[in-house]
Amino acid sequence: MTKTLVGWHIELEFSEEGPHTAAAALVRLPDGRELRARGDTSRHPADPEQLRVGEEVAAARALQGLARQLLEKAHDEIDDLGAVRSHPL
């Protein structure tokens, strides 16, 4: 049996301005399509500055956006090919 490995690379970029952190996520799929999503967070003024925490929260939110788009794409493809409608997760 032959195993085929496919790799997807996700790019994350961050911008920070004061207490606000934004993340932009990009994934290029094997079919040539690119999916993009953003995630944002803001630090409470009373909290100490920890850039890494803001990046983690913003990145997680951006990745959630990519996950939603991937699920929608997969469901659309299943529905286009199948006799039975797919059920979103």
N, C-alpha and C. Protein backbone atom coordinates (compact mmCIF):
# COMPACT_ATOMS: atom_id res chain seq x y z
N MET A 1 0.84 -1.16 0.00
CA MET A 1 0.00 0.00 0.00
C MET A 1 0.90 1.24 0.00
N THR A 2 0.56 2.20 -0.85
CA THR A 2 1.31 3.44 -0.95
C THR A 2 0.67 4.50 -0.07
N LYS A 3 1.50 5.19 0.65
CA LYS A 3 1.01 6.29 1.48
C LYS A 3 1.45 7.60 0.85
N THR A 4 0.52 8.50 0.74
CA THR A 4 0.82 9.82 0.20
C THR A 4 0.68 10.83 1.33
N LEU A 5 1.74 11.59 1.54
CA LEU A 5 1.70 12.63 2.56
C LEU A 5 1.53 13.98 1.90
N VAL A 6 0.65 14.75 2.45
CA VAL A 6 0.41 16.10 1.95
C VAL A 6 0.65 17.06 3.10
N GLY A 7 1.30 18.16 2.82
CA GLY A 7 1.53 19.15 3.86
C GLY A 7 0.85 20.46 3.52
N TRP A 8 0.24 21.04 4.49
CA TRP A 8 -0.34 22.37 4.35
C TRP A 8 0.43 23.28 5.28
N HIS A 9 0.79 24.43 4.78
CA HIS A 9 1.51 25.40 5.59
C HIS A 9 0.58 26.57 5.89
N ILE A 10 0.51 26.91 7.13
CA ILE A 10 -0.32 28.03 7.56
C ILE A 10 0.61 29.17 7.95
N GLU A 11 0.34 30.34 7.41
CA GLU A 11 1.12 31.52 7.75
C GLU A 11 0.33 32.37 8.73
N LEU A 12 1.00 32.85 9.75
CA LEU A 12 0.39 33.76 10.72
C LEU A 12 1.25 35.01 10.81
N GLU A 13 0.61 36.16 10.73
CA GLU A 13 1.30 37.43 10.90
C GLU A 13 0.56 38.22 11.98
N PHE A 14 1.32 38.95 12.77
CA PHE A 14 0.75 39.69 13.88
C PHE A 14 1.04 41.17 13.74
N SER A 15 0.10 41.96 14.22
CA SER A 15 0.33 43.40 14.37
C SER A 15 -0.16 43.78 15.76
N GLU A 16 0.60 44.65 16.38
CA GLU A 16 0.27 45.07 17.73
C GLU A 16 0.32 46.59 17.81
N GLU A 17 -0.72 47.12 18.40
CA GLU A 17 -0.79 48.57 18.60
C GLU A 17 -1.39 48.81 19.97
N GLY A 18 -0.55 49.25 20.88
CA GLY A 18 -1.01 49.44 22.25
C GLY A 18 -1.51 48.13 22.82
N PRO A 19 -2.71 48.12 23.38
CA PRO A 19 -3.24 46.89 23.98
C PRO A 19 -3.91 45.95 22.97
N HIS A 20 -3.93 46.34 21.71
CA HIS A 20 -4.63 45.56 20.68
C HIS A 20 -3.64 44.69 19.89
N THR A 21 -3.98 43.42 19.73
CA THR A 21 -3.19 42.49 18.91
C THR A 21 -4.10 41.89 17.86
N ALA A 22 -3.62 41.86 16.62
CA ALA A 22 -4.36 41.25 15.51
C ALA A 22 -3.50 40.18 14.87
N ALA A 23 -4.14 39.12 14.42
CA ALA A 23 -3.46 38.05 13.70
C ALA A 23 -4.14 37.84 12.36
N ALA A 24 -3.34 37.65 11.33
CA ALA A 24 -3.85 37.32 10.00
C ALA A 24 -3.34 35.92 9.66
N ALA A 25 -4.24 35.02 9.31
CA ALA A 25 -3.89 33.64 8.99
C ALA A 25 -4.18 33.37 7.52
N LEU A 26 -3.30 32.58 6.90
CA LEU A 26 -3.44 32.22 5.49
C LEU A 26 -3.05 30.76 5.33
N VAL A 27 -3.88 30.01 4.61
CA VAL A 27 -3.53 28.64 4.24
C VAL A 27 -3.75 28.50 2.74
N ARG A 28 -2.77 27.91 2.05
CA ARG A 28 -2.88 27.62 0.62
C ARG A 28 -3.20 26.13 0.48
N LEU A 29 -4.33 25.84 -0.15
CA LEU A 29 -4.78 24.47 -0.29
C LEU A 29 -4.22 23.85 -1.57
N PRO A 30 -4.15 22.52 -1.62
CA PRO A 30 -3.62 21.86 -2.81
C PRO A 30 -4.38 22.18 -4.10
N ASP A 31 -5.66 22.59 -3.99
CA ASP A 31 -6.43 22.93 -5.19
C ASP A 31 -6.15 24.35 -5.66
N GLY A 32 -5.21 25.05 -5.00
CA GLY A 32 -4.85 26.39 -5.40
C GLY A 32 -5.60 27.49 -4.67
N ARG A 33 -6.63 27.12 -3.97
CA ARG A 33 -7.43 28.12 -3.25
C ARG A 33 -6.69 28.59 -2.00
N GLU A 34 -6.86 29.84 -1.66
CA GLU A 34 -6.30 30.40 -0.44
C GLU A 34 -7.43 30.80 0.48
N LEU A 35 -7.31 30.44 1.73
CA LEU A 35 -8.28 30.85 2.74
C LEU A 35 -7.58 31.79 3.71
N ARG A 36 -8.27 32.85 4.08
CA ARG A 36 -7.71 33.86 4.98
C ARG A 36 -8.70 34.14 6.10
N ALA A 37 -8.14 34.41 7.26
CA ALA A 37 -8.98 34.77 8.41
C ALA A 37 -8.20 35.69 9.33
N ARG A 38 -8.94 36.44 10.14
CA ARG A 38 -8.32 37.35 11.10
C ARG A 38 -8.82 37.03 12.51
N GLY A 39 -7.98 37.33 13.45
CA GLY A 39 -8.34 37.21 14.85
C GLY A 39 -7.82 38.41 15.60
N ASP A 40 -8.58 38.88 16.55
CA ASP A 40 -8.21 40.08 17.30
C ASP A 40 -8.39 39.86 18.79
N THR A 41 -7.63 40.61 19.55
CA THR A 41 -7.82 40.62 21.00
C THR A 41 -7.31 41.95 21.55
N SER A 42 -7.80 42.29 22.70
CA SER A 42 -7.34 43.50 23.39
C SER A 42 -7.05 43.18 24.84
N ARG A 43 -5.96 43.71 25.31
CA ARG A 43 -5.55 43.54 26.70
C ARG A 43 -6.29 44.55 27.58
N HIS A 44 -6.76 44.09 28.71
CA HIS A 44 -7.39 44.99 29.68
C HIS A 44 -6.31 45.94 30.21
N PRO A 45 -6.64 47.21 30.38
CA PRO A 45 -5.63 48.18 30.83
C PRO A 45 -4.95 47.81 32.15
N ALA A 46 -5.63 47.07 33.01
CA ALA A 46 -5.04 46.69 34.30
C ALA A 46 -4.10 45.50 34.19
N ASP A 47 -4.13 44.78 33.06
CA ASP A 47 -3.28 43.60 32.89
C ASP A 47 -1.87 44.01 32.47
N PRO A 48 -0.86 43.26 32.91
CA PRO A 48 0.51 43.56 32.48
C PRO A 48 0.68 43.23 31.00
N GLU A 49 1.62 43.89 30.36
CA GLU A 49 1.87 43.67 28.92
C GLU A 49 2.60 42.34 28.73
N GLN A 50 1.95 41.43 28.00
CA GLN A 50 2.54 40.14 27.66
C GLN A 50 2.20 39.87 26.20
N LEU A 51 3.07 40.28 25.29
CA LEU A 51 2.79 40.19 23.87
C LEU A 51 2.46 38.76 23.44
N ARG A 52 3.16 37.79 24.00
CA ARG A 52 2.95 36.40 23.60
C ARG A 52 1.51 35.96 23.86
N VAL A 53 0.93 36.36 24.98
CA VAL A 53 -0.44 35.96 25.30
C VAL A 53 -1.41 36.57 24.28
N GLY A 54 -1.23 37.83 23.95
CA GLY A 54 -2.09 38.45 22.95
C GLY A 54 -1.97 37.77 21.60
N GLU A 55 -0.73 37.39 21.24
CA GLU A 55 -0.53 36.68 19.97
C GLU A 55 -1.23 35.33 19.99
N GLU A 56 -1.15 34.63 21.11
CA GLU A 56 -1.79 33.31 21.19
C GLU A 56 -3.30 33.40 21.05
N VAL A 57 -3.90 34.37 21.72
CA VAL A 57 -5.36 34.52 21.65
C VAL A 57 -5.77 34.95 20.23
N ALA A 58 -5.08 35.93 19.67
CA ALA A 58 -5.42 36.39 18.32
C ALA A 58 -5.21 35.27 17.30
N ALA A 59 -4.12 34.51 17.44
CA ALA A 59 -3.87 33.40 16.52
C ALA A 59 -4.95 32.33 16.63
N ALA A 60 -5.34 32.00 17.84
CA ALA A 60 -6.39 30.98 18.03
C ALA A 60 -7.68 31.41 17.36
N ARG A 61 -8.02 32.67 17.47
CA ARG A 61 -9.25 33.17 16.85
C ARG A 61 -9.14 33.16 15.32
N ALA A 62 -7.98 33.49 14.80
CA ALA A 62 -7.78 33.43 13.34
C ALA A 62 -7.86 31.99 12.85
N LEU A 63 -7.27 31.06 13.60
CA LEU A 63 -7.31 29.65 13.20
C LEU A 63 -8.72 29.09 13.29
N GLN A 64 -9.51 29.57 14.24
CA GLN A 64 -10.92 29.16 14.30
C GLN A 64 -11.64 29.61 13.03
N GLY A 65 -11.32 30.79 12.55
CA GLY A 65 -11.91 31.27 11.30
C GLY A 65 -11.53 30.40 10.12
N LEU A 66 -10.26 29.98 10.06
CA LEU A 66 -9.84 29.07 8.98
C LEU A 66 -10.57 27.73 9.11
N ALA A 67 -10.71 27.24 10.33
CA ALA A 67 -11.40 25.96 10.54
C ALA A 67 -12.84 26.02 10.04
N ARG A 68 -13.54 27.12 10.33
CA ARG A 68 -14.92 27.27 9.85
C ARG A 68 -14.97 27.26 8.32
N GLN A 69 -14.04 27.97 7.69
CA GLN A 69 -14.01 28.02 6.23
C GLN A 69 -13.71 26.65 5.63
N LEU A 70 -12.79 25.90 6.24
CA LEU A 70 -12.46 24.57 5.74
C LEU A 70 -13.66 23.62 5.86
N LEU A 71 -14.38 23.72 6.98
CA LEU A 71 -15.57 22.89 7.15
C LEU A 71 -16.64 23.24 6.12
N GLU A 72 -16.85 24.52 5.88
CA GLU A 72 -17.83 24.94 4.88
C GLU A 72 -17.44 24.44 3.49
N LYS A 73 -16.16 24.56 3.16
CA LYS A 73 -15.67 24.10 1.85
C LYS A 73 -15.88 22.59 1.71
N ALA A 74 -15.53 21.84 2.75
CA ALA A 74 -15.69 20.39 2.70
C ALA A 74 -17.16 20.00 2.56
N HIS A 75 -18.04 20.65 3.31
CA HIS A 75 -19.47 20.34 3.21
C HIS A 75 -20.02 20.66 1.83
N ASP A 76 -19.59 21.78 1.26
CA ASP A 76 -20.03 22.12 -0.10
C ASP A 76 -19.58 21.07 -1.10
N GLU A 77 -18.34 20.60 -0.97
CA GLU A 77 -17.83 19.57 -1.89
C GLU A 77 -18.56 18.25 -1.71
N ILE A 78 -18.86 17.89 -0.46
CA ILE A 78 -19.62 16.66 -0.21
C ILE A 78 -21.01 16.77 -0.81
N ASP A 79 -21.64 17.91 -0.61
CA ASP A 79 -22.99 18.11 -1.14
C ASP A 79 -23.00 18.10 -2.67
N ASP A 80 -21.96 18.63 -3.30
CA ASP A 80 -21.88 18.64 -4.75
C ASP A 80 -21.73 17.24 -5.33
N LEU A 81 -21.08 16.35 -4.60
CA LEU A 81 -20.79 15.01 -5.12
C LEU A 81 -21.75 13.94 -4.63
N GLY A 82 -22.35 14.15 -3.49
CA GLY A 82 -23.12 13.08 -2.87
C GLY A 82 -24.61 13.18 -3.10
N ALA A 83 -25.26 12.04 -2.86
CA ALA A 83 -26.72 11.99 -2.97
C ALA A 83 -27.38 12.43 -1.67
N VAL A 84 -26.64 12.36 -0.58
CA VAL A 84 -27.18 12.72 0.72
C VAL A 84 -26.46 13.98 1.21
N ARG A 85 -27.23 14.95 1.72
CA ARG A 85 -26.64 16.19 2.20
C ARG A 85 -25.76 15.91 3.42
N SER A 86 -24.66 16.64 3.52
CA SER A 86 -23.78 16.50 4.67
C SER A 86 -24.35 17.29 5.84
N HIS A 87 -23.88 16.97 7.01
CA HIS A 87 -24.32 17.65 8.22
C HIS A 87 -23.15 18.41 8.81
N PRO A 88 -23.28 19.71 8.93
CA PRO A 88 -22.16 20.49 9.51
C PRO A 88 -21.84 20.05 10.92
N LEU A 89 -20.58 20.15 11.28
CA LEU A 89 -20.16 19.81 12.64
C LEU A 89 -20.39 20.97 13.56
